[in-house]
Amino acid sequence: MASLEGATQCRRGEQVGLRLMLFNREPGLHEMLVTVILHGSDDYRFVHVEKDGIVTSYGARLSGGDHHHLVWVSLSKYFTNWQCTIISKPAILF
């Protein structure tokens, strides 16, 4: 199961953070390898989070295109979750 949270709107030039949560609620407690694909678009660019979680708002490193992430979701007695914060910046000028 997956859950995605984020802002519904933003102002020009703002960076937007999205939170992706992956839950392992598989009956029988199976470990899973999940592929998360962030599809690229001409409408936004991805912001790279540097070492120690540092992002400079005025000079952030950006990239476009598809981004693929392999996530190992381990088993747990109850459930396991994995959280990823995805930061993007709109590329459209109004």
N, C-alpha and C. Protein backbone atom coordinates (compact mmCIF):
# COMPACT_ATOMS: atom_id res chain seq x y z
N MET A 1 0.85 -1.17 0.00
CA MET A 1 0.00 0.00 0.00
C MET A 1 0.89 1.23 0.00
N ALA A 2 0.45 2.28 -0.66
CA ALA A 2 1.23 3.52 -0.73
C ALA A 2 0.32 4.70 -0.44
N SER A 3 0.92 5.75 0.10
CA SER A 3 0.21 6.98 0.38
C SER A 3 1.11 8.14 -0.03
N LEU A 4 0.55 9.12 -0.73
CA LEU A 4 1.30 10.29 -1.18
C LEU A 4 0.61 11.54 -0.67
N GLU A 5 1.38 12.41 -0.01
CA GLU A 5 0.84 13.66 0.53
C GLU A 5 1.63 14.83 -0.04
N GLY A 6 0.95 15.94 -0.25
CA GLY A 6 1.65 17.13 -0.73
C GLY A 6 0.72 18.32 -0.82
N ALA A 7 1.30 19.45 -1.13
CA ALA A 7 0.53 20.69 -1.28
C ALA A 7 -0.34 20.61 -2.53
N THR A 8 -1.51 21.24 -2.48
CA THR A 8 -2.40 21.25 -3.62
C THR A 8 -2.08 22.38 -4.59
N GLN A 9 -1.34 23.38 -4.14
CA GLN A 9 -0.95 24.49 -5.02
C GLN A 9 0.34 25.12 -4.49
N CYS A 10 0.99 25.89 -5.35
CA CYS A 10 2.20 26.60 -4.93
C CYS A 10 2.31 27.89 -5.74
N ARG A 11 3.17 28.77 -5.26
CA ARG A 11 3.43 30.03 -5.97
C ARG A 11 4.63 29.85 -6.89
N ARG A 12 4.74 30.74 -7.87
CA ARG A 12 5.84 30.67 -8.82
C ARG A 12 7.18 30.74 -8.09
N GLY A 13 8.09 29.82 -8.42
CA GLY A 13 9.42 29.80 -7.84
C GLY A 13 9.55 28.98 -6.57
N GLU A 14 8.44 28.54 -5.99
CA GLU A 14 8.51 27.74 -4.76
C GLU A 14 8.91 26.30 -5.07
N GLN A 15 9.56 25.68 -4.10
CA GLN A 15 9.83 24.26 -4.16
C GLN A 15 8.71 23.55 -3.41
N VAL A 16 8.28 22.42 -3.93
CA VAL A 16 7.17 21.67 -3.33
C VAL A 16 7.69 20.32 -2.85
N GLY A 17 7.37 19.99 -1.62
CA GLY A 17 7.76 18.69 -1.07
C GLY A 17 6.58 17.74 -1.06
N LEU A 18 6.81 16.53 -1.50
CA LEU A 18 5.79 15.47 -1.46
C LEU A 18 6.32 14.35 -0.57
N ARG A 19 5.44 13.74 0.22
CA ARG A 19 5.84 12.65 1.10
C ARG A 19 5.20 11.36 0.62
N LEU A 20 6.05 10.38 0.29
CA LEU A 20 5.59 9.07 -0.15
C LEU A 20 5.82 8.08 0.98
N MET A 21 4.76 7.37 1.37
CA MET A 21 4.84 6.36 2.41
C MET A 21 4.49 5.01 1.79
N LEU A 22 5.35 4.02 1.98
CA LEU A 22 5.08 2.66 1.53
C LEU A 22 4.86 1.79 2.77
N PHE A 23 3.79 1.02 2.76
CA PHE A 23 3.44 0.18 3.89
C PHE A 23 3.49 -1.29 3.48
N ASN A 24 4.08 -2.13 4.31
CA ASN A 24 4.12 -3.56 4.07
C ASN A 24 3.07 -4.21 4.96
N ARG A 25 1.92 -4.45 4.42
CA ARG A 25 0.84 -5.11 5.15
C ARG A 25 0.47 -6.42 4.47
N GLU A 26 1.46 -7.04 3.85
CA GLU A 26 1.27 -8.29 3.12
C GLU A 26 0.94 -9.42 4.10
N PRO A 27 -0.18 -10.11 3.89
CA PRO A 27 -0.49 -11.26 4.75
C PRO A 27 0.61 -12.31 4.63
N GLY A 28 0.99 -12.90 5.72
CA GLY A 28 2.05 -13.90 5.70
C GLY A 28 3.43 -13.29 5.91
N LEU A 29 3.49 -11.98 6.07
CA LEU A 29 4.74 -11.28 6.38
C LEU A 29 5.86 -11.56 5.37
N HIS A 30 5.67 -11.10 4.15
CA HIS A 30 6.68 -11.26 3.11
C HIS A 30 7.46 -9.95 2.95
N GLU A 31 8.76 -10.08 2.78
CA GLU A 31 9.57 -8.92 2.45
C GLU A 31 9.32 -8.55 0.99
N MET A 32 9.49 -7.27 0.65
CA MET A 32 9.20 -6.82 -0.72
C MET A 32 10.31 -5.91 -1.23
N LEU A 33 10.59 -6.00 -2.52
CA LEU A 33 11.44 -5.06 -3.21
C LEU A 33 10.52 -4.26 -4.12
N VAL A 34 10.41 -2.98 -3.86
CA VAL A 34 9.46 -2.12 -4.55
C VAL A 34 10.21 -1.15 -5.45
N THR A 35 9.75 -0.99 -6.67
CA THR A 35 10.32 0.00 -7.58
C THR A 35 9.41 1.23 -7.59
N VAL A 36 9.98 2.37 -7.21
CA VAL A 36 9.24 3.64 -7.21
C VAL A 36 9.76 4.43 -8.40
N ILE A 37 8.85 4.78 -9.32
CA ILE A 37 9.23 5.53 -10.52
C ILE A 37 8.60 6.91 -10.46
N LEU A 38 9.45 7.93 -10.50
CA LEU A 38 8.99 9.32 -10.57
C LEU A 38 9.13 9.76 -12.02
N HIS A 39 8.02 9.92 -12.70
CA HIS A 39 8.04 10.26 -14.11
C HIS A 39 8.41 11.72 -14.31
N GLY A 40 9.29 11.96 -15.25
CA GLY A 40 9.72 13.32 -15.57
C GLY A 40 8.67 14.05 -16.39
N SER A 41 8.79 15.37 -16.41
CA SER A 41 7.86 16.21 -17.15
C SER A 41 8.56 17.53 -17.48
N ASP A 42 8.07 18.20 -18.50
CA ASP A 42 8.57 19.54 -18.81
C ASP A 42 8.02 20.58 -17.84
N ASP A 43 7.03 20.18 -17.03
CA ASP A 43 6.38 21.11 -16.11
C ASP A 43 7.10 21.26 -14.77
N TYR A 44 8.02 20.35 -14.43
CA TYR A 44 8.72 20.43 -13.15
C TYR A 44 10.08 19.77 -13.25
N ARG A 45 10.94 20.09 -12.30
CA ARG A 45 12.27 19.50 -12.17
C ARG A 45 12.41 18.97 -10.76
N PHE A 46 13.23 17.95 -10.56
CA PHE A 46 13.46 17.38 -9.25
C PHE A 46 14.61 18.10 -8.56
N VAL A 47 14.46 18.36 -7.28
CA VAL A 47 15.48 19.02 -6.47
C VAL A 47 16.30 17.94 -5.77
N HIS A 48 17.62 18.01 -5.90
CA HIS A 48 18.49 17.03 -5.25
C HIS A 48 18.79 17.48 -3.82
N VAL A 49 18.59 16.57 -2.88
CA VAL A 49 18.94 16.83 -1.49
C VAL A 49 20.38 16.37 -1.30
N GLU A 50 21.23 17.29 -0.87
CA GLU A 50 22.65 17.01 -0.74
C GLU A 50 22.97 16.30 0.58
N LYS A 51 24.23 16.09 0.84
CA LYS A 51 24.69 15.40 2.04
C LYS A 51 24.13 16.06 3.29
N ASP A 52 23.75 15.26 4.26
CA ASP A 52 23.18 15.71 5.53
C ASP A 52 21.84 16.42 5.36
N GLY A 53 21.15 16.20 4.23
CA GLY A 53 19.82 16.75 4.02
C GLY A 53 19.79 18.23 3.70
N ILE A 54 20.88 18.79 3.22
CA ILE A 54 20.97 20.23 2.97
C ILE A 54 20.51 20.54 1.54
N VAL A 55 19.62 21.53 1.43
CA VAL A 55 19.16 22.04 0.13
C VAL A 55 19.24 23.56 0.19
N THR A 56 19.92 24.16 -0.78
CA THR A 56 19.96 25.62 -0.83
C THR A 56 18.82 26.08 -1.71
N SER A 57 18.02 26.97 -1.17
CA SER A 57 16.80 27.38 -1.90
C SER A 57 17.11 28.20 -3.15
N TYR A 58 18.23 28.94 -3.17
CA TYR A 58 18.51 29.79 -4.33
C TYR A 58 19.41 29.12 -5.36
N GLY A 59 20.12 28.06 -4.97
CA GLY A 59 21.02 27.41 -5.91
C GLY A 59 20.90 25.90 -5.86
N ALA A 60 19.69 25.40 -5.73
CA ALA A 60 19.49 23.96 -5.62
C ALA A 60 19.88 23.26 -6.92
N ARG A 61 20.44 22.07 -6.77
CA ARG A 61 20.79 21.26 -7.95
C ARG A 61 19.52 20.58 -8.44
N LEU A 62 19.18 20.80 -9.72
CA LEU A 62 17.94 20.29 -10.31
C LEU A 62 18.25 19.27 -11.40
N SER A 63 17.30 18.37 -11.64
CA SER A 63 17.42 17.43 -12.76
C SER A 63 16.03 17.08 -13.26
N GLY A 64 15.97 16.67 -14.51
CA GLY A 64 14.70 16.27 -15.11
C GLY A 64 14.74 14.80 -15.50
N GLY A 65 13.70 14.36 -16.16
CA GLY A 65 13.64 12.97 -16.60
C GLY A 65 13.10 12.06 -15.52
N ASP A 66 12.99 10.77 -15.87
CA ASP A 66 12.48 9.78 -14.92
C ASP A 66 13.53 9.46 -13.85
N HIS A 67 13.06 9.26 -12.64
CA HIS A 67 13.92 8.83 -11.53
C HIS A 67 13.37 7.51 -11.01
N HIS A 68 14.25 6.51 -10.89
CA HIS A 68 13.86 5.18 -10.42
C HIS A 68 14.54 4.92 -9.08
N HIS A 69 13.76 4.42 -8.12
CA HIS A 69 14.28 4.10 -6.80
C HIS A 69 13.85 2.68 -6.44
N LEU A 70 14.80 1.84 -6.04
CA LEU A 70 14.49 0.51 -5.54
C LEU A 70 14.46 0.58 -4.02
N VAL A 71 13.36 0.14 -3.44
CA VAL A 71 13.16 0.23 -2.00
C VAL A 71 12.93 -1.16 -1.44
N TRP A 72 13.73 -1.53 -0.44
CA TRP A 72 13.54 -2.80 0.24
C TRP A 72 12.64 -2.54 1.43
N VAL A 73 11.47 -3.14 1.45
CA VAL A 73 10.52 -3.00 2.56
C VAL A 73 10.56 -4.32 3.32
N SER A 74 11.17 -4.27 4.50
CA SER A 74 11.36 -5.50 5.28
C SER A 74 10.07 -5.93 5.96
N LEU A 75 10.12 -7.13 6.51
CA LEU A 75 8.94 -7.62 7.21
C LEU A 75 9.02 -7.21 8.68
N SER A 76 7.88 -7.13 9.29
CA SER A 76 7.77 -6.76 10.69
C SER A 76 6.60 -7.51 11.29
N LYS A 77 6.57 -7.60 12.60
CA LYS A 77 5.46 -8.29 13.25
C LYS A 77 4.14 -7.57 12.96
N TYR A 78 4.18 -6.26 12.88
CA TYR A 78 2.96 -5.48 12.65
C TYR A 78 2.93 -4.99 11.21
N PHE A 79 3.66 -3.97 10.89
CA PHE A 79 3.83 -3.54 9.51
C PHE A 79 5.05 -2.65 9.43
N THR A 80 5.60 -2.53 8.25
CA THR A 80 6.78 -1.70 8.02
C THR A 80 6.39 -0.59 7.07
N ASN A 81 6.91 0.60 7.33
CA ASN A 81 6.68 1.68 6.38
C ASN A 81 8.01 2.28 5.96
N TRP A 82 8.03 2.89 4.80
CA TRP A 82 9.19 3.56 4.26
C TRP A 82 8.73 4.93 3.81
N GLN A 83 9.47 5.94 4.20
CA GLN A 83 9.08 7.31 3.90
C GLN A 83 10.15 7.98 3.06
N CYS A 84 9.72 8.68 2.03
CA CYS A 84 10.63 9.42 1.16
C CYS A 84 10.03 10.79 0.90
N THR A 85 10.81 11.82 1.07
CA THR A 85 10.36 13.17 0.74
C THR A 85 10.87 13.51 -0.65
N ILE A 86 9.96 13.86 -1.54
CA ILE A 86 10.29 14.19 -2.93
C ILE A 86 10.12 15.70 -3.07
N ILE A 87 11.18 16.39 -3.44
CA ILE A 87 11.11 17.84 -3.60
C ILE A 87 11.19 18.16 -5.08
N SER A 88 10.25 18.99 -5.54
CA SER A 88 10.27 19.38 -6.95
C SER A 88 10.05 20.89 -7.06
N LYS A 89 10.42 21.42 -8.21
CA LYS A 89 10.26 22.84 -8.48
C LYS A 89 9.57 23.00 -9.81
N PRO A 90 8.43 23.70 -9.83
CA PRO A 90 7.73 23.92 -11.10
C PRO A 90 8.61 24.65 -12.10
N ALA A 91 8.53 24.26 -13.36
CA ALA A 91 9.34 24.88 -14.41
C ALA A 91 8.52 25.78 -15.32
N ILE A 92 7.23 25.92 -15.04
CA ILE A 92 6.35 26.72 -15.88
C ILE A 92 6.35 28.16 -15.38
N LEU A 93 6.52 29.09 -16.28
CA LEU A 93 6.44 30.51 -15.93
C LEU A 93 5.11 31.04 -16.45
N PHE A 94 4.39 31.73 -15.59
CA PHE A 94 3.07 32.24 -15.98
C PHE A 94 3.14 33.65 -16.49
